[in-house]
Amino acid sequence: MLCLARCSQYVRGRRFRGGIAEINVINVINVINQMVADTQKGTAMARKVFYSFHYNPDNWRASQVRNIGAIEGNQPAKDNDWETITKGGDKAIEKWIADQMSGRSCVVVLIGAGTANRKWINHEIAKGWNDGRGVLGIYVHNLKNSEGKTSLKGSNPFDRVTLKSSGAKLSTIVKAYDPPGSSSTDVYAHIKNNLESWIETAIAIRAKH
């Protein structure tokens, strides 16, 4: 940006001819400056997040959210990989989760019918919060699965995690969003249109606590 500013000062008020068209260098530099600013803004808004969800019933629903292009999510372990990981015991699972969370600024819990109070989801929520990451939940029961079926709304998983400092439920601080809509398409559209702002809100909430 500094280089562009200096170039702008140097050519201010000058015009150059190139073939038939006359190029106003100031205008070109202004356009470039705006493009750089827009790129920097987009980069600043881009977030890497960790998605936490109950794999077997909700993987198809979770994949719809993970494929929203504005956010980069972690890739879940495939069945064979997960079997190998679990053979290593709790320490191996904790290491895999820690590695997956590395470099992520937020934990997004995709809430299905049976998500709440699962051992490793509780662990992922607690680790994300304790490590200073934003944490939020999104109900995905109204997204269709691979068979075209929706599910029942599950309990709030943040009711199952408490703060050591006060004993308060994390649900009193962390937001869990229930997207409105009369169809799976409407629910997906609402998530897509709001996911970025929800993540930013979660990060800001964590910064205050």
Protein backbone atom coordinates (compact mmCIF):
# COMPACT_ATOMS: atom_id res chain seq x y z
CA MET A 1 0.00 0.00 0.00
CA LEU A 2 2.91 2.36 0.81
CA CYS A 3 4.43 1.76 -2.61
CA LEU A 4 1.13 2.46 -4.31
CA ALA A 5 0.69 5.67 -2.32
CA ARG A 6 4.15 6.90 -3.34
CA CYS A 7 3.50 6.03 -6.97
CA SER A 8 0.25 7.97 -6.75
CA GLN A 9 2.06 11.05 -5.48
CA TYR A 10 4.66 10.77 -8.22
CA VAL A 11 2.25 10.61 -11.13
CA ARG A 12 -0.45 12.90 -9.74
CA GLY A 13 -1.91 15.06 -12.51
CA ARG A 14 0.04 13.33 -15.28
CA ARG A 15 -1.42 11.48 -18.25
CA PHE A 16 0.20 8.91 -20.49
CA ARG A 17 -0.84 7.76 -23.95
CA GLY A 18 -0.87 4.12 -24.97
CA GLY A 19 -2.03 3.58 -28.56
CA ILE A 20 -5.45 5.14 -29.09
CA ALA A 21 -6.57 4.98 -25.45
CA GLU A 22 -5.43 7.55 -22.95
CA ILE A 23 -4.74 6.09 -19.50
CA ASN A 24 -5.22 8.16 -16.37
CA VAL A 25 -2.61 6.63 -14.06
CA ILE A 26 -4.25 8.11 -10.97
CA ASN A 27 -7.48 6.28 -11.73
CA VAL A 28 -5.61 3.04 -12.33
CA ILE A 29 -3.80 3.33 -9.00
CA ASN A 30 -7.05 4.14 -7.21
CA VAL A 31 -8.61 1.00 -8.65
CA ILE A 32 -5.60 -1.07 -7.58
CA ASN A 33 -5.72 0.44 -4.09
CA GLN A 34 -9.39 -0.51 -3.79
CA MET A 35 -8.70 -4.04 -5.03
CA VAL A 36 -5.94 -4.48 -2.45
CA ALA A 37 -8.21 -3.13 0.30
CA ASP A 38 -11.02 -5.47 -0.71
CA THR A 39 -8.63 -8.42 -0.76
CA GLN A 40 -7.28 -7.56 2.68
CA LYS A 41 -10.81 -7.21 4.02
CA GLY A 42 -11.78 -10.58 2.61
CA THR A 43 -8.65 -12.18 4.08
CA ALA A 44 -9.36 -10.67 7.48
CA MET A 45 -12.88 -12.09 7.45
CA ALA A 46 -11.81 -15.58 6.38
CA ARG A 47 -11.81 -18.02 9.30
CA LYS A 48 -10.60 -21.53 9.85
CA VAL A 49 -12.94 -23.44 12.13
CA PHE A 50 -13.25 -26.86 13.74
CA TYR A 51 -16.57 -28.62 13.17
CA SER A 52 -17.81 -30.87 15.98
CA PHE A 53 -20.72 -33.24 15.31
CA HIS A 54 -22.10 -36.75 15.86
CA TYR A 55 -20.60 -38.52 12.86
CA ASN A 56 -22.91 -41.42 11.99
CA PRO A 57 -26.31 -39.69 11.97
CA ASP A 58 -25.19 -36.18 11.02
CA ASN A 59 -22.22 -36.53 8.66
CA TRP A 60 -24.33 -35.79 5.57
CA ARG A 61 -25.88 -32.73 7.21
CA ALA A 62 -22.49 -31.57 8.47
CA SER A 63 -20.99 -31.90 4.98
CA GLN A 64 -23.50 -29.36 3.69
CA VAL A 65 -22.32 -26.80 6.23
CA ARG A 66 -18.64 -27.65 5.77
CA ASN A 67 -18.97 -27.04 2.04
CA ILE A 68 -19.99 -23.41 2.53
CA GLY A 69 -17.04 -21.81 0.77
CA ALA A 70 -16.52 -18.71 2.89
CA ILE A 71 -15.29 -20.77 5.84
CA GLU A 72 -12.49 -23.33 5.90
CA GLY A 73 -13.32 -26.31 8.09
CA ASN A 74 -11.35 -29.33 9.22
CA GLN A 75 -11.87 -32.65 7.48
CA PRO A 76 -13.39 -35.36 9.69
CA ALA A 77 -11.60 -38.68 10.05
CA LYS A 78 -12.78 -41.36 7.64
CA ASP A 79 -14.17 -44.56 9.14
CA ASN A 80 -10.95 -46.53 8.70
CA ASP A 81 -8.80 -43.67 10.01
CA TRP A 82 -11.07 -43.20 13.03
CA GLU A 83 -10.86 -46.92 13.81
CA THR A 84 -7.07 -46.66 13.79
CA ILE A 85 -7.15 -43.55 15.98
CA THR A 86 -9.49 -45.09 18.56
CA LYS A 87 -7.27 -48.16 18.88
CA GLY A 88 -4.70 -45.84 20.42
CA GLY A 89 -7.04 -45.02 23.30
CA ASP A 90 -8.12 -41.69 24.76
CA LYS A 91 -4.68 -40.09 24.46
CA ALA A 92 -4.57 -40.80 20.74
CA ILE A 93 -8.06 -39.35 20.27
CA GLU A 94 -7.17 -36.26 22.30
CA LYS A 95 -4.03 -35.77 20.17
CA TRP A 96 -6.02 -36.11 16.93
CA ILE A 97 -8.52 -33.51 18.14
CA ALA A 98 -5.72 -31.17 19.24
CA ASP A 99 -4.00 -31.50 15.86
CA GLN A 100 -7.27 -30.84 14.02
CA MET A 101 -7.99 -27.77 16.16
CA SER A 102 -4.53 -26.29 15.66
CA GLY A 103 -4.77 -23.00 13.79
CA ARG A 104 -8.57 -22.85 14.11
CA SER A 105 -10.17 -19.77 15.63
CA CYS A 106 -13.60 -21.21 16.42
CA VAL A 107 -15.38 -24.47 17.28
CA VAL A 108 -18.72 -24.88 15.51
CA VAL A 109 -20.91 -27.58 17.03
CA LEU A 110 -23.45 -28.91 14.54
CA ILE A 111 -26.31 -30.04 16.76
CA GLY A 112 -28.37 -33.06 15.81
CA ALA A 113 -30.77 -35.26 17.73
CA GLY A 114 -28.07 -37.06 19.73
CA THR A 115 -25.21 -34.57 19.85
CA ALA A 116 -25.53 -33.35 23.45
CA ASN A 117 -23.49 -35.01 26.20
CA ARG A 118 -21.39 -37.22 23.93
CA LYS A 119 -17.96 -37.73 25.48
CA TRP A 120 -15.81 -36.41 22.67
CA ILE A 121 -18.14 -33.60 21.71
CA ASN A 122 -18.03 -32.41 25.32
CA HIS A 123 -14.24 -32.66 25.13
CA GLU A 124 -14.09 -30.65 21.90
CA ILE A 125 -16.35 -27.95 23.35
CA ALA A 126 -14.32 -27.71 26.55
CA LYS A 127 -10.97 -27.73 24.76
CA GLY A 128 -12.08 -25.09 22.29
CA TRP A 129 -13.27 -22.80 25.07
CA ASN A 130 -10.28 -23.43 27.36
CA ASP A 131 -7.88 -22.72 24.50
CA GLY A 132 -9.50 -19.33 23.93
CA ARG A 133 -11.39 -20.17 20.76
CA GLY A 134 -14.86 -18.97 19.91
CA VAL A 135 -17.57 -21.59 20.40
CA LEU A 136 -21.04 -21.71 18.89
CA GLY A 137 -23.75 -24.20 18.01
CA ILE A 138 -26.00 -24.59 14.97
CA TYR A 139 -29.01 -26.91 14.99
CA VAL A 140 -28.89 -29.01 11.83
CA HIS A 141 -31.79 -31.42 12.45
CA ASN A 142 -33.88 -29.71 9.76
CA LEU A 143 -31.26 -30.31 7.08
CA LYS A 144 -31.96 -33.47 5.09
CA ASN A 145 -29.66 -36.45 5.29
CA SER A 146 -28.60 -38.68 2.38
CA GLU A 147 -32.04 -40.31 2.42
CA GLY A 148 -33.82 -36.97 2.23
CA LYS A 149 -34.98 -37.10 5.83
CA THR A 150 -34.82 -34.51 8.59
CA SER A 151 -34.47 -35.39 12.27
CA LEU A 152 -35.63 -34.40 15.73
CA LYS A 153 -34.25 -31.36 17.51
CA GLY A 154 -31.65 -32.33 20.08
CA SER A 155 -30.76 -30.83 23.45
CA ASN A 156 -28.38 -27.92 23.78
CA PRO A 157 -24.91 -29.49 24.23
CA PHE A 158 -23.65 -26.42 26.06
CA ASP A 159 -25.99 -27.27 28.95
CA ARG A 160 -23.67 -30.21 29.62
CA VAL A 161 -20.47 -28.17 29.93
CA THR A 162 -19.83 -25.93 32.94
CA LEU A 163 -17.26 -23.27 33.68
CA LYS A 164 -14.79 -24.23 36.42
CA SER A 165 -14.54 -20.63 37.60
CA SER A 166 -18.23 -20.14 38.37
CA GLY A 167 -19.99 -23.46 37.79
CA ALA A 168 -22.26 -21.73 35.28
CA LYS A 169 -23.45 -23.64 32.24
CA LEU A 170 -21.65 -22.69 29.06
CA SER A 171 -25.09 -22.28 27.47
CA THR A 172 -25.51 -19.07 29.49
CA ILE A 173 -22.68 -17.55 27.44
CA VAL A 174 -22.37 -19.44 24.16
CA LYS A 175 -25.00 -19.05 21.46
CA ALA A 176 -26.78 -21.98 19.79
CA TYR A 177 -28.63 -20.95 16.63
CA ASP A 178 -31.78 -22.68 15.40
CA PRO A 179 -32.11 -21.62 11.74
CA PRO A 180 -35.68 -20.88 10.65
CA GLY A 181 -37.22 -22.20 7.46
CA SER A 182 -40.01 -24.40 6.18
CA SER A 183 -37.66 -26.59 4.15
CA SER A 184 -34.13 -27.96 4.25
CA THR A 185 -33.22 -25.53 1.46
CA ASP A 186 -34.43 -22.56 3.52
CA VAL A 187 -32.50 -23.75 6.57
CA TYR A 188 -29.33 -24.19 4.54
CA ALA A 189 -29.70 -20.72 3.00
CA HIS A 190 -30.08 -19.16 6.45
CA ILE A 191 -26.94 -20.91 7.70
CA LYS A 192 -24.98 -19.90 4.61
CA ASN A 193 -26.04 -16.26 4.91
CA ASN A 194 -25.21 -16.00 8.62
CA LEU A 195 -22.34 -18.39 9.31
CA GLU A 196 -19.58 -15.82 9.01
CA SER A 197 -21.27 -13.33 11.35
CA TRP A 198 -22.07 -16.08 13.87
CA ILE A 199 -18.42 -17.07 13.95
CA GLU A 200 -17.28 -13.49 14.44
CA THR A 201 -19.81 -13.09 17.27
CA ALA A 202 -18.56 -16.27 18.95
CA ILE A 203 -14.95 -15.08 18.78
CA ALA A 204 -15.94 -11.71 20.23
CA ILE A 205 -17.88 -13.41 23.07
CA ARG A 206 -14.86 -15.55 23.98
CA ALA A 207 -12.63 -12.47 24.02
CA LYS A 208 -14.86 -10.94 26.72
CA HIS A 209 -14.71 -13.96 29.01
